[in-house]
């Protein structure tokens, strides 16, 4: 087996461990492909293993440094402008706040709110 998971050897020369790794990779690859839209999978056709597909997917949607910094600034502005909406229930307000908090944590922004 090569480092990227592709097999260069004939199937009969593979060990049981290599065969199990191949089967697990094929299963993971299939799950990933089923979760993505056709438009996205068409742009990731060069990926032949689950790891390569996942890495390409993350790189594609994570964005470059400028995009990530812009996203952080936008989330900070949204946090600073966060306010109760007329007629909104407390439950709805808390749900919106938790969703914003999750987005900020995922972007690497730590809140100093206790």
PDB file of N, CA and C in Angstrom:
ATOM      1  N   UNK A   1       0.845  -1.183   0.000  1.00  0.00           N
ATOM      2  CA  UNK A   1       0.000   0.000   0.000  1.00  0.00           C
ATOM      3  C   UNK A   1       0.878   1.230   0.000  1.00  0.00           C
ATOM      4  N   UNK A   2       0.425   2.278  -0.648  1.00  0.00           N
ATOM      5  CA  UNK A   2       1.147   3.535  -0.632  1.00  0.00           C
ATOM      6  C   UNK A   2       0.610   4.414   0.482  1.00  0.00           C
ATOM      7  N   UNK A   3       1.255   5.552   0.713  1.00  0.00           N
ATOM      8  CA  UNK A   3       0.852   6.440   1.797  1.00  0.00           C
ATOM      9  C   UNK A   3      -0.543   7.014   1.609  1.00  0.00           C
ATOM     10  N   UNK A   4      -0.950   7.237   0.384  1.00  0.00           N
ATOM     11  CA  UNK A   4      -2.271   7.827   0.153  1.00  0.00           C
ATOM     12  C   UNK A   4      -3.384   6.793   0.155  1.00  0.00           C
ATOM     13  N   UNK A   5      -3.048   5.553   0.430  1.00  0.00           N
ATOM     14  CA  UNK A   5      -4.077   4.536   0.548  1.00  0.00           C
ATOM     15  C   UNK A   5      -4.313   3.744  -0.724  1.00  0.00           C
ATOM     16  N   UNK A   6      -3.718   4.150  -1.835  1.00  0.00           N
ATOM     17  CA  UNK A   6      -3.911   3.427  -3.080  1.00  0.00           C
ATOM     18  C   UNK A   6      -3.046   2.178  -3.096  1.00  0.00           C
ATOM     19  N   UNK A   7      -3.539   1.135  -3.690  1.00  0.00           N
ATOM     20  CA  UNK A   7      -2.831  -0.134  -3.713  1.00  0.00           C
ATOM     21  C   UNK A   7      -2.108  -0.265  -5.035  1.00  0.00           C
ATOM     22  N   UNK A   8      -0.795  -0.492  -4.938  1.00  0.00           N
ATOM     23  CA  UNK A   8       0.003  -0.734  -6.139  1.00  0.00           C
ATOM     24  C   UNK A   8       0.218  -2.221  -6.375  1.00  0.00           C
ATOM     25  N   UNK A   9       0.034  -3.013  -5.328  1.00  0.00           N
ATOM     26  CA  UNK A   9       0.291  -4.445  -5.400  1.00  0.00           C
ATOM     27  C   UNK A   9      -0.945  -5.181  -5.914  1.00  0.00           C
ATOM     28  N   UNK A  10      -0.722  -6.359  -6.489  1.00  0.00           N
ATOM     29  CA  UNK A  10      -1.876  -7.167  -6.910  1.00  0.00           C
ATOM     30  C   UNK A  10      -2.683  -7.601  -5.692  1.00  0.00           C
ATOM     31  N   UNK A  11      -3.984  -7.759  -5.828  1.00  0.00           N
ATOM     32  CA  UNK A  11      -4.856  -8.090  -4.697  1.00  0.00           C
ATOM     33  C   UNK A  11      -4.422  -9.328  -3.915  1.00  0.00           C
ATOM     34  N   UNK A  12      -3.888 -10.336  -4.593  1.00  0.00           N
ATOM     35  CA  UNK A  12      -3.513 -11.572  -3.880  1.00  0.00           C
ATOM     36  C   UNK A  12      -2.310 -11.388  -2.958  1.00  0.00           C
ATOM     37  N   UNK A  13      -1.545 -10.332  -3.138  1.00  0.00           N
ATOM     38  CA  UNK A  13      -0.374 -10.118  -2.279  1.00  0.00           C
ATOM     39  C   UNK A  13      -0.689  -9.245  -1.060  1.00  0.00           C
ATOM     40  N   UNK A  14      -1.929  -8.793  -0.937  1.00  0.00           N
ATOM     41  CA  UNK A  14      -2.305  -7.948   0.193  1.00  0.00           C
ATOM     42  C   UNK A  14      -2.496  -8.766   1.461  1.00  0.00           C
ATOM     43  N   UNK A  15      -2.126  -8.161   2.573  1.00  0.00           N
ATOM     44  CA  UNK A  15      -2.363  -8.812   3.858  1.00  0.00           C
ATOM     45  C   UNK A  15      -3.817  -8.579   4.257  1.00  0.00           C
ATOM     46  N   UNK A  16      -4.238  -9.298   5.280  1.00  0.00           N
ATOM     47  CA  UNK A  16      -5.606  -9.128   5.799  1.00  0.00           C
ATOM     48  C   UNK A  16      -5.798  -7.709   6.321  1.00  0.00           C
ATOM     49  N   UNK A  17      -4.768  -7.154   6.949  1.00  0.00           N
ATOM     50  CA  UNK A  17      -4.829  -5.788   7.488  1.00  0.00           C
ATOM     51  C   UNK A  17      -5.006  -4.782   6.351  1.00  0.00           C
ATOM     52  N   UNK A  18      -4.240  -4.963   5.265  1.00  0.00           N
ATOM     53  CA  UNK A  18      -4.361  -4.065   4.113  1.00  0.00           C
ATOM     54  C   UNK A  18      -5.757  -4.151   3.498  1.00  0.00           C
ATOM     55  N   UNK A  19      -6.277  -5.362   3.401  1.00  0.00           N
ATOM     56  CA  UNK A  19      -7.614  -5.556   2.837  1.00  0.00           C
ATOM     57  C   UNK A  19      -8.659  -4.862   3.700  1.00  0.00           C
ATOM     58  N   UNK A  20      -8.548  -4.998   5.013  1.00  0.00           N
ATOM     59  CA  UNK A  20      -9.491  -4.341   5.920  1.00  0.00           C
ATOM     60  C   UNK A  20      -9.394  -2.823   5.811  1.00  0.00           C
ATOM     61  N   UNK A  21      -8.181  -2.296   5.694  1.00  0.00           N
ATOM     62  CA  UNK A  21      -7.996  -0.848   5.521  1.00  0.00           C
ATOM     63  C   UNK A  21      -8.654  -0.371   4.231  1.00  0.00           C
ATOM     64  N   UNK A  22      -8.482  -1.161   3.164  1.00  0.00           N
ATOM     65  CA  UNK A  22      -9.104  -0.787   1.886  1.00  0.00           C
ATOM     66  C   UNK A  22     -10.619  -0.771   1.991  1.00  0.00           C
ATOM     67  N   UNK A  23     -11.176  -1.785   2.636  1.00  0.00           N
ATOM     68  CA  UNK A  23     -12.632  -1.861   2.774  1.00  0.00           C
ATOM     69  C   UNK A  23     -13.164  -0.697   3.613  1.00  0.00           C
ATOM     70  N   UNK A  24     -12.480  -0.366   4.692  1.00  0.00           N
ATOM     71  CA  UNK A  24     -12.901   0.751   5.538  1.00  0.00           C
ATOM     72  C   UNK A  24     -12.801   2.070   4.780  1.00  0.00           C
ATOM     73  N   UNK A  25     -11.731   2.235   3.993  1.00  0.00           N
ATOM     74  CA  UNK A  25     -11.575   3.455   3.214  1.00  0.00           C
ATOM     75  C   UNK A  25     -12.685   3.577   2.167  1.00  0.00           C
ATOM     76  N   UNK A  26     -13.002   2.475   1.499  1.00  0.00           N
ATOM     77  CA  UNK A  26     -14.072   2.487   0.495  1.00  0.00           C
ATOM     78  C   UNK A  26     -15.413   2.844   1.129  1.00  0.00           C
ATOM     79  N   UNK A  27     -15.663   2.323   2.323  1.00  0.00           N
ATOM     80  CA  UNK A  27     -16.911   2.616   3.025  1.00  0.00           C
ATOM     81  C   UNK A  27     -16.974   4.089   3.415  1.00  0.00           C
ATOM     82  N   UNK A  28     -15.888   4.613   3.988  1.00  0.00           N
ATOM     83  CA  UNK A  28     -15.841   6.016   4.385  1.00  0.00           C
ATOM     84  C   UNK A  28     -15.971   6.923   3.157  1.00  0.00           C
ATOM     85  N   UNK A  29     -15.293   6.574   2.085  1.00  0.00           N
ATOM     86  CA  UNK A  29     -15.370   7.342   0.842  1.00  0.00           C
ATOM     87  C   UNK A  29     -16.815   7.377   0.334  1.00  0.00           C
ATOM     88  N   UNK A  30     -17.475   6.234   0.370  1.00  0.00           N
ATOM     89  CA  UNK A  30     -18.873   6.167  -0.078  1.00  0.00           C
ATOM     90  C   UNK A  30     -19.787   7.041   0.758  1.00  0.00           C
ATOM     91  N   UNK A  31     -19.604   7.015   2.088  1.00  0.00           N
ATOM     92  CA  UNK A  31     -20.413   7.865   2.961  1.00  0.00           C
ATOM     93  C   UNK A  31     -20.196   9.343   2.638  1.00  0.00           C
ATOM     94  N   UNK A  32     -18.945   9.721   2.461  1.00  0.00           N
ATOM     95  CA  UNK A  32     -18.659  11.130   2.151  1.00  0.00           C
ATOM     96  C   UNK A  32     -19.288  11.552   0.826  1.00  0.00           C
ATOM     97  N   UNK A  33     -19.138  10.723  -0.177  1.00  0.00           N
ATOM     98  CA  UNK A  33     -19.693  11.039  -1.503  1.00  0.00           C
ATOM     99  C   UNK A  33     -21.214  11.167  -1.437  1.00  0.00           C
ATOM    100  N   UNK A  34     -21.879  10.294  -0.662  1.00  0.00           N
ATOM    101  CA  UNK A  34     -23.337  10.351  -0.552  1.00  0.00           C
ATOM    102  C   UNK A  34     -23.804  11.630   0.139  1.00  0.00           C
ATOM    103  N   UNK A  35     -22.977  12.176   1.016  1.00  0.00           N
ATOM    104  CA  UNK A  35     -23.358  13.377   1.770  1.00  0.00           C
ATOM    105  C   UNK A  35     -23.169  14.662   0.970  1.00  0.00           C
ATOM    106  N   UNK A  36     -22.414  14.607  -0.092  1.00  0.00           N
ATOM    107  CA  UNK A  36     -22.108  15.812  -0.864  1.00  0.00           C
ATOM    108  C   UNK A  36     -22.991  15.896  -2.101  1.00  0.00           C
ATOM    109  N   UNK A  37     -23.265  17.118  -2.509  1.00  0.00           N
ATOM    110  CA  UNK A  37     -24.054  17.296  -3.729  1.00  0.00           C
ATOM    111  C   UNK A  37     -23.214  16.928  -4.943  1.00  0.00           C
ATOM    112  N   UNK A  38     -23.878  16.652  -6.040  1.00  0.00           N
ATOM    113  CA  UNK A  38     -23.198  16.277  -7.280  1.00  0.00           C
ATOM    114  C   UNK A  38     -22.258  17.380  -7.749  1.00  0.00           C
ATOM    115  N   UNK A  39     -22.677  18.640  -7.579  1.00  0.00           N
ATOM    116  CA  UNK A  39     -21.845  19.760  -8.004  1.00  0.00           C
ATOM    117  C   UNK A  39     -20.519  19.779  -7.253  1.00  0.00           C
ATOM    118  N   UNK A  40     -20.571  19.475  -5.968  1.00  0.00           N
ATOM    119  CA  UNK A  40     -19.347  19.478  -5.159  1.00  0.00           C
ATOM    120  C   UNK A  40     -18.479  18.284  -5.512  1.00  0.00           C
ATOM    121  N   UNK A  41     -19.085  17.102  -5.643  1.00  0.00           N
ATOM    122  CA  UNK A  41     -18.283  15.916  -5.941  1.00  0.00           C
ATOM    123  C   UNK A  41     -17.595  16.026  -7.299  1.00  0.00           C
ATOM    124  N   UNK A  42     -18.198  16.734  -8.226  1.00  0.00           N
ATOM    125  CA  UNK A  42     -17.566  16.910  -9.538  1.00  0.00           C
ATOM    126  C   UNK A  42     -16.266  17.696  -9.425  1.00  0.00           C
ATOM    127  N   UNK A  43     -16.190  18.617  -8.449  1.00  0.00           N
ATOM    128  CA  UNK A  43     -14.969  19.410  -8.295  1.00  0.00           C
ATOM    129  C   UNK A  43     -13.899  18.673  -7.497  1.00  0.00           C
ATOM    130  N   UNK A  44     -14.252  17.539  -6.910  1.00  0.00           N
ATOM    131  CA  UNK A  44     -13.305  16.779  -6.089  1.00  0.00           C
ATOM    132  C   UNK A  44     -13.019  15.402  -6.682  1.00  0.00           C
ATOM    133  N   UNK A  45     -13.164  15.271  -7.987  1.00  0.00           N
ATOM    134  CA  UNK A  45     -13.017  13.960  -8.644  1.00  0.00           C
ATOM    135  C   UNK A  45     -11.612  13.379  -8.538  1.00  0.00           C
ATOM    136  N   UNK A  46     -10.596  14.223  -8.377  1.00  0.00           N
ATOM    137  CA  UNK A  46      -9.221  13.719  -8.317  1.00  0.00           C
ATOM    138  C   UNK A  46      -8.929  12.980  -7.014  1.00  0.00           C
ATOM    139  N   UNK A  47      -9.790  13.107  -6.040  1.00  0.00           N
ATOM    140  CA  UNK A  47      -9.604  12.447  -4.746  1.00  0.00           C
ATOM    141  C   UNK A  47     -10.037  10.994  -4.854  1.00  0.00           C
ATOM    142  N   UNK A  48      -9.116  10.103  -4.509  1.00  0.00           N
ATOM    143  CA  UNK A  48      -9.413   8.678  -4.663  1.00  0.00           C
ATOM    144  C   UNK A  48      -9.514   7.944  -3.334  1.00  0.00           C
ATOM    145  N   UNK A  49      -9.217   8.624  -2.222  1.00  0.00           N
ATOM    146  CA  UNK A  49      -9.349   8.003  -0.906  1.00  0.00           C
ATOM    147  C   UNK A  49     -10.227   8.890  -0.037  1.00  0.00           C
ATOM    148  N   UNK A  50     -10.745   8.313   1.031  1.00  0.00           N
ATOM    149  CA  UNK A  50     -11.594   9.078   1.950  1.00  0.00           C
ATOM    150  C   UNK A  50     -10.802  10.227   2.573  1.00  0.00           C
ATOM    151  N   UNK A  51      -9.550   9.989   2.946  1.00  0.00           N
ATOM    152  CA  UNK A  51      -8.720  11.025   3.560  1.00  0.00           C
ATOM    153  C   UNK A  51      -8.474  12.161   2.583  1.00  0.00           C
ATOM    154  N   UNK A  52      -8.136  11.843   1.356  1.00  0.00           N
ATOM    155  CA  UNK A  52      -7.894  12.874   0.346  1.00  0.00           C
ATOM    156  C   UNK A  52      -9.165  13.670   0.080  1.00  0.00           C
ATOM    157  N   UNK A  53     -10.302  12.984   0.011  1.00  0.00           N
ATOM    158  CA  UNK A  53     -11.579  13.653  -0.217  1.00  0.00           C
ATOM    159  C   UNK A  53     -11.910  14.597   0.936  1.00  0.00           C
ATOM    160  N   UNK A  54     -11.740  14.118   2.173  1.00  0.00           N
ATOM    161  CA  UNK A  54     -12.030  14.944   3.340  1.00  0.00           C
ATOM    162  C   UNK A  54     -11.111  16.170   3.385  1.00  0.00           C
ATOM    163  N   UNK A  55      -9.822  15.976   3.160  1.00  0.00           N
ATOM    164  CA  UNK A  55      -8.872  17.089   3.186  1.00  0.00           C
ATOM    165  C   UNK A  55      -9.205  18.132   2.113  1.00  0.00           C
ATOM    166  N   UNK A  56      -9.552  17.678   0.921  1.00  0.00           N
ATOM    167  CA  UNK A  56      -9.908  18.602  -0.160  1.00  0.00           C
ATOM    168  C   UNK A  56     -11.200  19.348   0.163  1.00  0.00           C
ATOM    169  N   UNK A  57     -12.165  18.651   0.752  1.00  0.00           N
ATOM    170  CA  UNK A  57     -13.432  19.271   1.131  1.00  0.00           C
ATOM    171  C   UNK A  57     -13.209  20.361   2.177  1.00  0.00           C
ATOM    172  N   UNK A  58     -12.414  20.054   3.201  1.00  0.00           N
ATOM    173  CA  UNK A  58     -12.124  21.033   4.249  1.00  0.00           C
ATOM    174  C   UNK A  58     -11.406  22.246   3.657  1.00  0.00           C
ATOM    175  N   UNK A  59     -10.421  22.007   2.815  1.00  0.00           N
ATOM    176  CA  UNK A  59      -9.671  23.110   2.211  1.00  0.00           C
ATOM    177  C   UNK A  59     -10.571  23.982   1.334  1.00  0.00           C
ATOM    178  N   UNK A  60     -11.468  23.334   0.606  1.00  0.00           N
ATOM    179  CA  UNK A  60     -12.355  24.064  -0.298  1.00  0.00           C
ATOM    180  C   UNK A  60     -13.309  24.989   0.457  1.00  0.00           C
ATOM    181  N   UNK A  61     -13.842  24.527   1.583  1.00  0.00           N
ATOM    182  CA  UNK A  61     -14.869  25.294   2.278  1.00  0.00           C
ATOM    183  C   UNK A  61     -14.374  26.055   3.498  1.00  0.00           C
ATOM    184  N   UNK A  62     -13.180  25.796   3.898  1.00  0.00           N
ATOM    185  CA  UNK A  62     -12.608  26.527   5.027  1.00  0.00           C
ATOM    186  C   UNK A  62     -12.268  27.950   4.612  1.00  0.00           C
ATOM    187  N   UNK A  63     -11.796  28.113   3.406  1.00  0.00           N
ATOM    188  CA  UNK A  63     -11.455  29.435   2.903  1.00  0.00           C
ATOM    189  C   UNK A  63     -10.022  29.811   3.216  1.00  0.00           C
ATOM    190  N   UNK A  64      -9.528  30.802   2.500  1.00  0.00           N
ATOM    191  CA  UNK A  64      -8.167  31.245   2.757  1.00  0.00           C
ATOM    192  C   UNK A  64      -8.137  32.165   3.982  1.00  0.00           C
ATOM    193  N   UNK A  65      -6.971  32.642   4.331  1.00  0.00           N
ATOM    194  CA  UNK A  65      -6.804  33.441   5.548  1.00  0.00           C
ATOM    195  C   UNK A  65      -7.670  34.701   5.526  1.00  0.00           C
ATOM    196  N   UNK A  66      -7.750  35.380   4.387  1.00  0.00           N
ATOM    197  CA  UNK A  66      -8.561  36.598   4.284  1.00  0.00           C
ATOM    198  C   UNK A  66     -10.037  36.306   4.536  1.00  0.00           C
ATOM    199  N   UNK A  67     -10.521  35.225   3.973  1.00  0.00           N
ATOM    200  CA  UNK A  67     -11.930  34.861   4.150  1.00  0.00           C
ATOM    201  C   UNK A  67     -12.205  34.513   5.604  1.00  0.00           C
ATOM    202  N   UNK A  68     -11.295  33.761   6.232  1.00  0.00           N
ATOM    203  CA  UNK A  68     -11.490  33.390   7.637  1.00  0.00           C
ATOM    204  C   UNK A  68     -11.487  34.624   8.535  1.00  0.00           C
ATOM    205  N   UNK A  69     -10.576  35.575   8.271  1.00  0.00           N
ATOM    206  CA  UNK A  69     -10.530  36.799   9.075  1.00  0.00           C
ATOM    207  C   UNK A  69     -11.787  37.636   8.857  1.00  0.00           C
ATOM    208  N   UNK A  70     -12.255  37.696   7.622  1.00  0.00           N
ATOM    209  CA  UNK A  70     -13.481  38.427   7.322  1.00  0.00           C
ATOM    210  C   UNK A  70     -14.671  37.800   8.041  1.00  0.00           C
ATOM    211  N   UNK A  71     -14.719  36.469   8.068  1.00  0.00           N
ATOM    212  CA  UNK A  71     -15.794  35.751   8.757  1.00  0.00           C
ATOM    213  C   UNK A  71     -15.762  36.055  10.261  1.00  0.00           C
ATOM    214  N   UNK A  72     -14.556  36.117  10.833  1.00  0.00           N
ATOM    215  CA  UNK A  72     -14.419  36.438  12.259  1.00  0.00           C
ATOM    216  C   UNK A  72     -14.910  37.856  12.547  1.00  0.00           C
ATOM    217  N   UNK A  73     -14.535  38.803  11.692  1.00  0.00           N
ATOM    218  CA  UNK A  73     -14.992  40.187  11.876  1.00  0.00           C
ATOM    219  C   UNK A  73     -16.507  40.273  11.801  1.00  0.00           C
ATOM    220  N   UNK A  74     -17.102  39.567  10.844  1.00  0.00           N
ATOM    221  CA  UNK A  74     -18.552  39.572  10.689  1.00  0.00           C
ATOM    222  C   UNK A  74     -19.233  38.998  11.935  1.00  0.00           C
ATOM    223  N   UNK A  75     -18.682  37.912  12.467  1.00  0.00           N
ATOM    224  CA  UNK A  75     -19.260  37.305  13.666  1.00  0.00           C
ATOM    225  C   UNK A  75     -19.108  38.217  14.878  1.00  0.00           C
ATOM    226  N   UNK A  76     -17.979  38.900  14.990  1.00  0.00           N
ATOM    227  CA  UNK A  76     -17.803  39.853  16.094  1.00  0.00           C
ATOM    228  C   UNK A  76     -18.805  41.000  15.999  1.00  0.00           C
ATOM    229  N   UNK A  77     -19.045  41.494  14.785  1.00  0.00           N
ATOM    230  CA  UNK A  77     -20.052  42.551  14.600  1.00  0.00           C
ATOM    231  C   UNK A  77     -21.439  42.043  14.968  1.00  0.00           C
ATOM    232  N   UNK A  78     -21.744  40.821  14.521  1.00  0.00           N
ATOM    233  CA  UNK A  78     -23.048  40.235  14.840  1.00  0.00           C
ATOM    234  C   UNK A  78     -23.211  40.091  16.353  1.00  0.00           C
ATOM    235  N   UNK A  79     -22.139  39.694  17.041  1.00  0.00           N
ATOM    236  CA  UNK A  79     -22.185  39.552  18.490  1.00  0.00           C
ATOM    237  C   UNK A  79     -22.394  40.914  19.158  1.00  0.00           C
ATOM    238  N   UNK A  80     -21.670  41.921  18.695  1.00  0.00           N
ATOM    239  CA  UNK A  80     -21.778  43.255  19.290  1.00  0.00           C
ATOM    240  C   UNK A  80     -23.141  43.896  19.061  1.00  0.00           C
ATOM    241  N   UNK A  81     -23.813  43.503  17.989  1.00  0.00           N
ATOM    242  CA  UNK A  81     -25.121  44.064  17.678  1.00  0.00           C
ATOM    243  C   UNK A  81     -26.262  43.162  18.156  1.00  0.00           C
ATOM    244  N   UNK A  82     -25.918  42.037  18.787  1.00  0.00           N
ATOM    245  CA  UNK A  82     -26.931  41.079  19.234  1.00  0.00           C
ATOM    246  C   UNK A  82     -27.893  41.766  20.194  1.00  0.00           C
ATOM    247  N   UNK A  83     -29.174  41.591  19.937  1.00  0.00           N
ATOM    248  CA  UNK A  83     -30.194  42.250  20.743  1.00  0.00           C
ATOM    249  C   UNK A  83     -31.494  41.454  20.663  1.00  0.00           C
ATOM    250  N   UNK A  84     -32.364  41.717  21.610  1.00  0.00           N
ATOM    251  CA  UNK A  84     -33.692  41.110  21.617  1.00  0.00           C
ATOM    252  C   UNK A  84     -34.501  41.653  20.447  1.00  0.00           C
ATOM    253  N   UNK A  85     -35.216  40.781  19.764  1.00  0.00           N
ATOM    254  CA  UNK A  85     -36.082  41.179  18.661  1.00  0.00           C
ATOM    255  C   UNK A  85     -37.499  41.313  19.204  1.00  0.00           C
ATOM    256  N   UNK A  86     -38.183  42.362  18.789  1.00  0.00           N
ATOM    257  CA  UNK A  86     -39.547  42.625  19.253  1.00  0.00           C
ATOM    258  C   UNK A  86     -40.415  41.392  19.088  1.00  0.00           C
ATOM    259  N   UNK A  87     -41.071  40.960  20.161  1.00  0.00           N
ATOM    260  CA  UNK A  87     -41.976  39.822  20.129  1.00  0.00           C
ATOM    261  C   UNK A  87     -41.294  38.472  20.257  1.00  0.00           C
ATOM    262  N   UNK A  88     -39.981  38.447  20.385  1.00  0.00           N
ATOM    263  CA  UNK A  88     -39.230  37.194  20.481  1.00  0.00           C
ATOM    264  C   UNK A  88     -39.318  36.620  21.899  1.00  0.00           C
ATOM    265  N   UNK A  89     -39.457  35.318  21.985  1.00  0.00           N
ATOM    266  CA  UNK A  89     -39.507  34.680  23.301  1.00  0.00           C
ATOM    267  C   UNK A  89     -38.089  34.537  23.846  1.00  0.00           C
ATOM    268  N   UNK A  90     -37.999  34.356  25.144  1.00  0.00           N
ATOM    269  CA  UNK A  90     -36.699  34.164  25.772  1.00  0.00           C
ATOM    270  C   UNK A  90     -36.019  32.903  25.230  1.00  0.00           C
ATOM    271  N   UNK A  91     -36.797  31.868  25.009  1.00  0.00           N
ATOM    272  CA  UNK A  91     -36.267  30.619  24.465  1.00  0.00           C
ATOM    273  C   UNK A  91     -35.648  30.845  23.082  1.00  0.00           C
ATOM    274  N   UNK A  92     -36.337  31.580  22.236  1.00  0.00           N
ATOM    275  CA  UNK A  92     -35.840  31.875  20.897  1.00  0.00           C
ATOM    276  C   UNK A  92     -34.573  32.729  20.964  1.00  0.00           C
ATOM    277  N   UNK A  93     -34.559  33.702  21.868  1.00  0.00           N
ATOM    278  CA  UNK A  93     -33.381  34.556  22.056  1.00  0.00           C
ATOM    279  C   UNK A  93     -32.178  33.715  22.471  1.00  0.00           C
ATOM    280  N   UNK A  94     -32.377  32.809  23.415  1.00  0.00           N
ATOM    281  CA  UNK A  94     -31.286  31.953  23.874  1.00  0.00           C
ATOM    282  C   UNK A  94     -30.809  31.010  22.776  1.00  0.00           C
ATOM    283  N   UNK A  95     -31.727  30.505  21.974  1.00  0.00           N
ATOM    284  CA  UNK A  95     -31.346  29.643  20.852  1.00  0.00           C
ATOM    285  C   UNK A  95     -30.496  30.401  19.839  1.00  0.00           C
ATOM    286  N   UNK A  96     -30.892  31.637  19.524  1.00  0.00           N
ATOM    287  CA  UNK A  96     -30.096  32.454  18.592  1.00  0.00           C
ATOM    288  C   UNK A  96     -28.719  32.742  19.167  1.00  0.00           C
ATOM    289  N   UNK A  97     -28.670  33.050  20.465  1.00  0.00           N
ATOM    290  CA  UNK A  97     -27.393  33.349  21.095  1.00  0.00           C
ATOM    291  C   UNK A  97     -26.488  32.119  21.100  1.00  0.00           C
ATOM    292  N   UNK A  98     -27.038  30.967  21.408  1.00  0.00           N
ATOM    293  CA  UNK A  98     -26.245  29.736  21.416  1.00  0.00           C
ATOM    294  C   UNK A  98     -25.730  29.409  20.015  1.00  0.00           C
ATOM    295  N   UNK A  99     -26.553  29.623  19.005  1.00  0.00           N
ATOM    296  CA  UNK A  99     -26.119  29.386  17.619  1.00  0.00           C
ATOM    297  C   UNK A  99     -24.963  30.325  17.262  1.00  0.00           C
ATOM    298  N   UNK A 100     -25.070  31.593  17.655  1.00  0.00           N
ATOM    299  CA  UNK A 100     -23.997  32.551  17.395  1.00  0.00           C
ATOM    300  C   UNK A 100     -22.738  32.156  18.160  1.00  0.00           C
ATOM    301  N   UNK A 101     -22.907  31.754  19.398  1.00  0.00           N
ATOM    302  CA  UNK A 101     -21.779  31.316  20.219  1.00  0.00           C
ATOM    303  C   UNK A 101     -21.071  30.124  19.566  1.00  0.00           C
ATOM    304  N   UNK A 102     -21.830  29.174  19.060  1.00  0.00           N
ATOM    305  CA  UNK A 102     -21.251  28.008  18.391  1.00  0.00           C
ATOM    306  C   UNK A 102     -20.480  28.422  17.141  1.00  0.00           C
ATOM    307  N   UNK A 103     -21.048  29.312  16.342  1.00  0.00           N
ATOM    308  CA  UNK A 103     -20.355  29.796  15.142  1.00  0.00           C
ATOM    309  C   UNK A 103     -19.042  30.471  15.512  1.00  0.00           C
ATOM    310  N   UNK A 104     -19.070  31.244  16.597  1.00  0.00           N
ATOM    311  CA  UNK A 104     -17.864  31.953  17.013  1.00  0.00           C
ATOM    312  C   UNK A 104     -16.803  30.984  17.520  1.00  0.00           C
ATOM    313  N   UNK A 105     -17.202  29.977  18.289  1.00  0.00           N
ATOM    314  CA  UNK A 105     -16.252  28.979  18.760  1.00  0.00           C
ATOM    315  C   UNK A 105     -15.645  28.212  17.579  1.00  0.00           C
ATOM    316  N   UNK A 106     -16.477  27.872  16.595  1.00  0.00           N
ATOM    317  CA  UNK A 106     -15.982  27.162  15.420  1.00  0.00           C
ATOM    318  C   UNK A 106     -15.007  27.998  14.613  1.00  0.00           C
ATOM    319  N   UNK A 107     -15.172  29.321  14.665  1.00  0.00           N
ATOM    320  CA  UNK A 107     -14.268  30.228  13.958  1.00  0.00           C
ATOM    321  C   UNK A 107     -13.025  30.548  14.778  1.00  0.00           C
ATOM    322  N   UNK A 108     -12.971  30.036  16.001  1.00  0.00           N
ATOM    323  CA  UNK A 108     -11.797  30.275  16.842  1.00  0.00           C
ATOM    324  C   UNK A 108     -11.883  31.538  17.679  1.00  0.00           C
ATOM    325  N   UNK A 109     -13.092  32.055  17.852  1.00  0.00           N
ATOM    326  CA  UNK A 109     -13.294  33.245  18.659  1.00  0.00           C
ATOM    327  C   UNK A 109     -13.792  32.789  20.030  1.00  0.00           C
ATOM    328  N   UNK A 110     -13.050  33.174  21.055  1.00  0.00           N
ATOM    329  CA  UNK A 110     -13.441  32.797  22.414  1.00  0.00           C
ATOM    330  C   UNK A 110     -14.164  33.975  23.053  1.00  0.00           C
ATOM    331  N   UNK A 111     -15.327  33.710  23.597  1.00  0.00           N
ATOM    332  CA  UNK A 111     -16.092  34.739  24.265  1.00  0.00           C
ATOM    333  C   UNK A 111     -15.671  34.847  25.717  1.00  0.00           C
ATOM    334  N   UNK A 112     -15.620  36.093  26.232  1.00  0.00           N
ATOM    335  CA  UNK A 112     -15.288  36.301  27.622  1.00  0.00           C
ATOM    336  C   UNK A 112     -16.515  36.383  28.485  1.00  0.00           C
ATOM    337  N   UNK A 113     -17.633  35.841  28.008  1.00  0.00           N
ATOM    338  CA  UNK A 113     -18.892  35.885  28.726  1.00  0.00           C
ATOM    339  C   UNK A 113     -18.946  34.725  29.711  1.00  0.00           C
ATOM    340  N   UNK A 114     -19.331  35.007  30.929  1.00  0.00           N
ATOM    341  CA  UNK A 114     -19.418  33.950  31.938  1.00  0.00           C
ATOM    342  C   UNK A 114     -20.871  33.685  32.250  1.00  0.00           C
TER     343      UNK A 114
END
